[in-house]
Amino acid sequence: MDLTAVFSKTVKGYDEISTRQNRLPFRVRAMLIVVDGRHTGSELVAQSVFGPEAEKHLTTLLEGDFIAAPAMQTLLTGNPQDDITFAKRYILRTLRELLGSEARPYALMIEKARTAQELLRDLEKLREPLIAGAGKRTADEFWERMSLVLAW
């Protein structure tokens, strides 16, 4: 595990915090809660009260797909081997949940994105329709999640 990476919660990580369906041990769950997409692994370990176990907890979270080093940072460099499929799937699923059938034209736009830059450009076009269709609070939550998924 690269402790210089900045880790963010994945969709599975957010689900675990709200549902506890995977029954993570208390200390591992506590470590999941402090992962914020702004601090490196070494910073999280240094700030942790779990001492040398903190790195093991991060490894458990990483291997269980509860956290990830944001892939979008490498995508923005234009490396053709990288893929935006995960981000697109997450965005499409979330849009369908929030907007229902109204999401269709926006979903088609997102599906056509081939690069991270195109995806970011298309997401910006969703700001106003999302506020109008789902409300300001829900739109703000969407953008908060997108910032973690896309590592803005």
C-alpha atoms as a PDB file:
ATOM      1  CA  MET A   1       0.000   0.000   0.000  1.00  0.00           C
ATOM      2  CA  ASP A   2       1.289   3.446  -0.955  1.00  0.00           C
ATOM      3  CA  LEU A   3       0.958   5.648   2.119  1.00  0.00           C
ATOM      4  CA  THR A   4       1.701   8.751   0.046  1.00  0.00           C
ATOM      5  CA  ALA A   5      -1.637   8.312  -1.752  1.00  0.00           C
ATOM      6  CA  VAL A   6      -4.656  10.338  -0.746  1.00  0.00           C
ATOM      7  CA  PHE A   7      -7.486   7.953   0.090  1.00  0.00           C
ATOM      8  CA  SER A   8     -11.214   8.525  -0.322  1.00  0.00           C
ATOM      9  CA  LYS A   9     -14.235   6.477   0.642  1.00  0.00           C
ATOM     10  CA  THR A  10     -15.762   4.437  -2.162  1.00  0.00           C
ATOM     11  CA  VAL A  11     -19.475   3.951  -2.669  1.00  0.00           C
ATOM     12  CA  LYS A  12     -19.112   0.720  -0.677  1.00  0.00           C
ATOM     13  CA  GLY A  13     -17.408   2.716   2.094  1.00  0.00           C
ATOM     14  CA  TYR A  14     -20.264   5.214   2.289  1.00  0.00           C
ATOM     15  CA  ASP A  15     -22.761   2.356   2.305  1.00  0.00           C
ATOM     16  CA  GLU A  16     -20.882   0.689   5.153  1.00  0.00           C
ATOM     17  CA  ILE A  17     -20.980   3.842   7.247  1.00  0.00           C
ATOM     18  CA  SER A  18     -24.726   4.186   6.863  1.00  0.00           C
ATOM     19  CA  THR A  19     -25.775   0.524   6.941  1.00  0.00           C
ATOM     20  CA  ARG A  20     -22.997  -1.403   8.740  1.00  0.00           C
ATOM     21  CA  GLN A  21     -23.897  -4.349   6.508  1.00  0.00           C
ATOM     22  CA  ASN A  22     -20.321  -5.668   6.358  1.00  0.00           C
ATOM     23  CA  ARG A  23     -19.937  -5.577  10.140  1.00  0.00           C
ATOM     24  CA  LEU A  24     -16.476  -4.065  10.133  1.00  0.00           C
ATOM     25  CA  PRO A  25     -14.668  -4.231  13.470  1.00  0.00           C
ATOM     26  CA  PHE A  26     -15.030  -1.037  15.519  1.00  0.00           C
ATOM     27  CA  ARG A  27     -11.472   0.186  14.951  1.00  0.00           C
ATOM     28  CA  VAL A  28     -11.551  -0.501  11.213  1.00  0.00           C
ATOM     29  CA  ARG A  29     -14.899   1.308  10.922  1.00  0.00           C
ATOM     30  CA  ALA A  30     -13.503   4.232  12.932  1.00  0.00           C
ATOM     31  CA  MET A  31     -10.593   4.441  10.499  1.00  0.00           C
ATOM     32  CA  LEU A  32     -13.057   4.397   7.578  1.00  0.00           C
ATOM     33  CA  ILE A  33     -14.905   7.341   9.072  1.00  0.00           C
ATOM     34  CA  VAL A  34     -11.771   9.517   9.209  1.00  0.00           C
ATOM     35  CA  VAL A  35     -10.782   8.863   5.584  1.00  0.00           C
ATOM     36  CA  ASP A  36     -11.716  12.150   3.935  1.00  0.00           C
ATOM     37  CA  GLY A  37     -10.105  12.384   0.503  1.00  0.00           C
ATOM     38  CA  ARG A  38      -7.741  15.132   1.669  1.00  0.00           C
ATOM     39  CA  HIS A  39      -5.146  13.350   3.786  1.00  0.00           C
ATOM     40  CA  THR A  40      -2.499  10.879   2.689  1.00  0.00           C
ATOM     41  CA  GLY A  41      -2.303   7.421   4.176  1.00  0.00           C
ATOM     42  CA  SER A  42       0.732   8.427   6.231  1.00  0.00           C
ATOM     43  CA  GLU A  43      -1.123  11.459   7.611  1.00  0.00           C
ATOM     44  CA  LEU A  44      -4.086   9.280   8.564  1.00  0.00           C
ATOM     45  CA  VAL A  45      -1.789   6.784  10.283  1.00  0.00           C
ATOM     46  CA  ALA A  46       0.036   9.576  12.141  1.00  0.00           C
ATOM     47  CA  GLN A  47      -3.232  11.140  13.338  1.00  0.00           C
ATOM     48  CA  SER A  48      -4.754   7.830  14.367  1.00  0.00           C
ATOM     49  CA  VAL A  49      -5.091   6.759  17.988  1.00  0.00           C
ATOM     50  CA  PHE A  50      -4.619   3.144  16.910  1.00  0.00           C
ATOM     51  CA  GLY A  51      -0.854   3.384  16.641  1.00  0.00           C
ATOM     52  CA  PRO A  52       0.827   0.684  14.549  1.00  0.00           C
ATOM     53  CA  GLU A  53      -2.543  -0.986  13.873  1.00  0.00           C
ATOM     54  CA  ALA A  54      -3.691   2.029  11.838  1.00  0.00           C
ATOM     55  CA  GLU A  55      -1.783   0.945   8.743  1.00  0.00           C
ATOM     56  CA  LYS A  56      -3.315  -2.556   9.009  1.00  0.00           C
ATOM     57  CA  HIS A  57      -6.780  -0.976   9.227  1.00  0.00           C
ATOM     58  CA  LEU A  58      -6.134   1.101   6.115  1.00  0.00           C
ATOM     59  CA  THR A  59      -4.935  -2.021   4.302  1.00  0.00           C
ATOM     60  CA  THR A  60      -8.108  -3.873   5.342  1.00  0.00           C
ATOM     61  CA  LEU A  61     -10.245  -1.004   4.034  1.00  0.00           C
ATOM     62  CA  LEU A  62      -8.307  -0.818   0.783  1.00  0.00           C
ATOM     63  CA  GLU A  63      -8.451  -4.568   0.154  1.00  0.00           C
ATOM     64  CA  GLY A  64     -12.173  -4.603   0.953  1.00  0.00           C
ATOM     65  CA  ASP A  65     -12.834  -1.758  -1.531  1.00  0.00           C
ATOM     66  CA  PHE A  66     -14.110   0.545   1.217  1.00  0.00           C
ATOM     67  CA  ILE A  67     -11.498   3.153   0.267  1.00  0.00           C
ATOM     68  CA  ALA A  68      -9.456   3.864  -2.842  1.00  0.00           C
ATOM     69  CA  ALA A  69      -6.736   6.159  -4.055  1.00  0.00           C
ATOM     70  CA  PRO A  70      -8.664   8.404  -6.442  1.00  0.00           C
ATOM     71  CA  ALA A  71      -8.119   7.212  -9.971  1.00  0.00           C
ATOM     72  CA  MET A  72      -9.307  10.458 -11.515  1.00  0.00           C
ATOM     73  CA  GLN A  73      -6.021  12.176 -10.656  1.00  0.00           C
ATOM     74  CA  THR A  74      -4.187   9.843 -13.019  1.00  0.00           C
ATOM     75  CA  LEU A  75      -6.968  10.136 -15.559  1.00  0.00           C
ATOM     76  CA  LEU A  76      -6.439  13.872 -15.755  1.00  0.00           C
ATOM     77  CA  THR A  77      -2.895  13.273 -16.930  1.00  0.00           C
ATOM     78  CA  GLY A  78      -4.376  11.720 -20.067  1.00  0.00           C
ATOM     79  CA  ASN A  79      -2.907   8.244 -19.664  1.00  0.00           C
ATOM     80  CA  PRO A  80      -4.885   6.205 -22.251  1.00  0.00           C
ATOM     81  CA  GLN A  81      -4.581   3.026 -20.203  1.00  0.00           C
ATOM     82  CA  ASP A  82      -6.667   4.541 -17.416  1.00  0.00           C
ATOM     83  CA  ASP A  83     -10.399   4.192 -17.462  1.00  0.00           C
ATOM     84  CA  ILE A  84     -13.279   6.410 -16.365  1.00  0.00           C
ATOM     85  CA  THR A  85     -15.783   3.555 -16.329  1.00  0.00           C
ATOM     86  CA  PHE A  86     -16.187   3.479 -12.540  1.00  0.00           C
ATOM     87  CA  ALA A  87     -16.813   7.217 -12.335  1.00  0.00           C
ATOM     88  CA  LYS A  88     -19.305   7.110 -15.212  1.00  0.00           C
ATOM     89  CA  ARG A  89     -21.207   4.175 -13.695  1.00  0.00           C
ATOM     90  CA  TYR A  90     -21.424   5.889 -10.329  1.00  0.00           C
ATOM     91  CA  ILE A  91     -22.592   9.160 -11.873  1.00  0.00           C
ATOM     92  CA  LEU A  92     -25.205   7.420 -14.029  1.00  0.00           C
ATOM     93  CA  ARG A  93     -26.589   5.405 -11.136  1.00  0.00           C
ATOM     94  CA  THR A  94     -26.782   8.461  -8.910  1.00  0.00           C
ATOM     95  CA  LEU A  95     -28.467  10.570 -11.595  1.00  0.00           C
ATOM     96  CA  ARG A  96     -31.100   7.900 -12.166  1.00  0.00           C
ATOM     97  CA  GLU A  97     -31.786   7.732  -8.434  1.00  0.00           C
ATOM     98  CA  LEU A  98     -32.101  11.502  -8.126  1.00  0.00           C
ATOM     99  CA  LEU A  99     -33.871  12.445 -11.349  1.00  0.00           C
ATOM    100  CA  GLY A 100     -35.639   9.273 -12.459  1.00  0.00           C
ATOM    101  CA  SER A 101     -36.708   9.418 -16.108  1.00  0.00           C
ATOM    102  CA  GLU A 102     -35.582  13.066 -16.302  1.00  0.00           C
ATOM    103  CA  ALA A 103     -31.971  11.807 -16.122  1.00  0.00           C
ATOM    104  CA  ARG A 104     -32.062  10.232 -19.583  1.00  0.00           C
ATOM    105  CA  PRO A 105     -30.682  13.156 -21.665  1.00  0.00           C
ATOM    106  CA  TYR A 106     -27.941  13.783 -19.109  1.00  0.00           C
ATOM    107  CA  ALA A 107     -27.142  10.074 -18.905  1.00  0.00           C
ATOM    108  CA  LEU A 108     -26.646   9.959 -22.665  1.00  0.00           C
ATOM    109  CA  MET A 109     -24.251  12.902 -22.396  1.00  0.00           C
ATOM    110  CA  ILE A 110     -22.263  11.226 -19.583  1.00  0.00           C
ATOM    111  CA  GLU A 111     -22.112   7.913 -21.458  1.00  0.00           C
ATOM    112  CA  LYS A 112     -20.528   9.641 -24.470  1.00  0.00           C
ATOM    113  CA  ALA A 113     -17.639  11.070 -22.413  1.00  0.00           C
ATOM    114  CA  ARG A 114     -14.378   9.405 -23.426  1.00  0.00           C
ATOM    115  CA  THR A 115     -11.876  11.312 -21.300  1.00  0.00           C
ATOM    116  CA  ALA A 116     -11.800  12.674 -17.795  1.00  0.00           C
ATOM    117  CA  GLN A 117     -11.829  16.212 -19.178  1.00  0.00           C
ATOM    118  CA  GLU A 118     -15.011  15.510 -21.163  1.00  0.00           C
ATOM    119  CA  LEU A 119     -16.609  13.935 -18.114  1.00  0.00           C
ATOM    120  CA  LEU A 120     -15.802  16.953 -15.949  1.00  0.00           C
ATOM    121  CA  ARG A 121     -17.110  19.326 -18.630  1.00  0.00           C
ATOM    122  CA  ASP A 122     -20.369  17.372 -18.925  1.00  0.00           C
ATOM    123  CA  LEU A 123     -20.820  17.226 -15.163  1.00  0.00           C
ATOM    124  CA  GLU A 124     -20.659  21.013 -14.991  1.00  0.00           C
ATOM    125  CA  LYS A 125     -23.673  21.131 -17.332  1.00  0.00           C
ATOM    126  CA  LEU A 126     -25.679  19.212 -14.705  1.00  0.00           C
ATOM    127  CA  ARG A 127     -25.494  21.788 -11.910  1.00  0.00           C
ATOM    128  CA  GLU A 128     -28.676  23.738 -12.650  1.00  0.00           C
ATOM    129  CA  PRO A 129     -30.843  20.798 -13.795  1.00  0.00           C
ATOM    130  CA  LEU A 130     -29.868  18.866 -10.676  1.00  0.00           C
ATOM    131  CA  ILE A 131     -30.804  21.724  -8.359  1.00  0.00           C
ATOM    132  CA  ALA A 132     -34.106  22.179 -10.208  1.00  0.00           C
ATOM    133  CA  GLY A 133     -34.924  18.467 -10.270  1.00  0.00           C
ATOM    134  CA  ALA A 134     -33.649  17.244  -6.916  1.00  0.00           C
ATOM    135  CA  GLY A 135     -33.318  20.364  -4.761  1.00  0.00           C
ATOM    136  CA  LYS A 136     -30.358  22.348  -3.507  1.00  0.00           C
ATOM    137  CA  ARG A 137     -29.541  20.105  -0.541  1.00  0.00           C
ATOM    138  CA  THR A 138     -29.567  16.926  -2.611  1.00  0.00           C
ATOM    139  CA  ALA A 139     -27.541  18.625  -5.359  1.00  0.00           C
ATOM    140  CA  ASP A 140     -24.948  19.726  -2.805  1.00  0.00           C
ATOM    141  CA  GLU A 141     -24.691  16.145  -1.514  1.00  0.00           C
ATOM    142  CA  PHE A 142     -24.278  14.921  -5.097  1.00  0.00           C
ATOM    143  CA  TRP A 143     -21.404  17.359  -5.701  1.00  0.00           C
ATOM    144  CA  GLU A 144     -19.753  16.381  -2.435  1.00  0.00           C
ATOM    145  CA  ARG A 145     -19.813  12.725  -3.467  1.00  0.00           C
ATOM    146  CA  MET A 146     -18.629  13.572  -6.972  1.00  0.00           C
ATOM    147  CA  SER A 147     -15.675  15.484  -5.560  1.00  0.00           C
ATOM    148  CA  LEU A 148     -14.647  12.326  -3.714  1.00  0.00           C
ATOM    149  CA  VAL A 149     -15.213  10.020  -6.668  1.00  0.00           C
ATOM    150  CA  LEU A 150     -13.391  12.349  -9.032  1.00  0.00           C
ATOM    151  CA  ALA A 151     -10.820  13.588  -6.494  1.00  0.00           C
ATOM    152  CA  TRP A 152     -11.284  17.283  -7.241  1.00  0.00           C
END
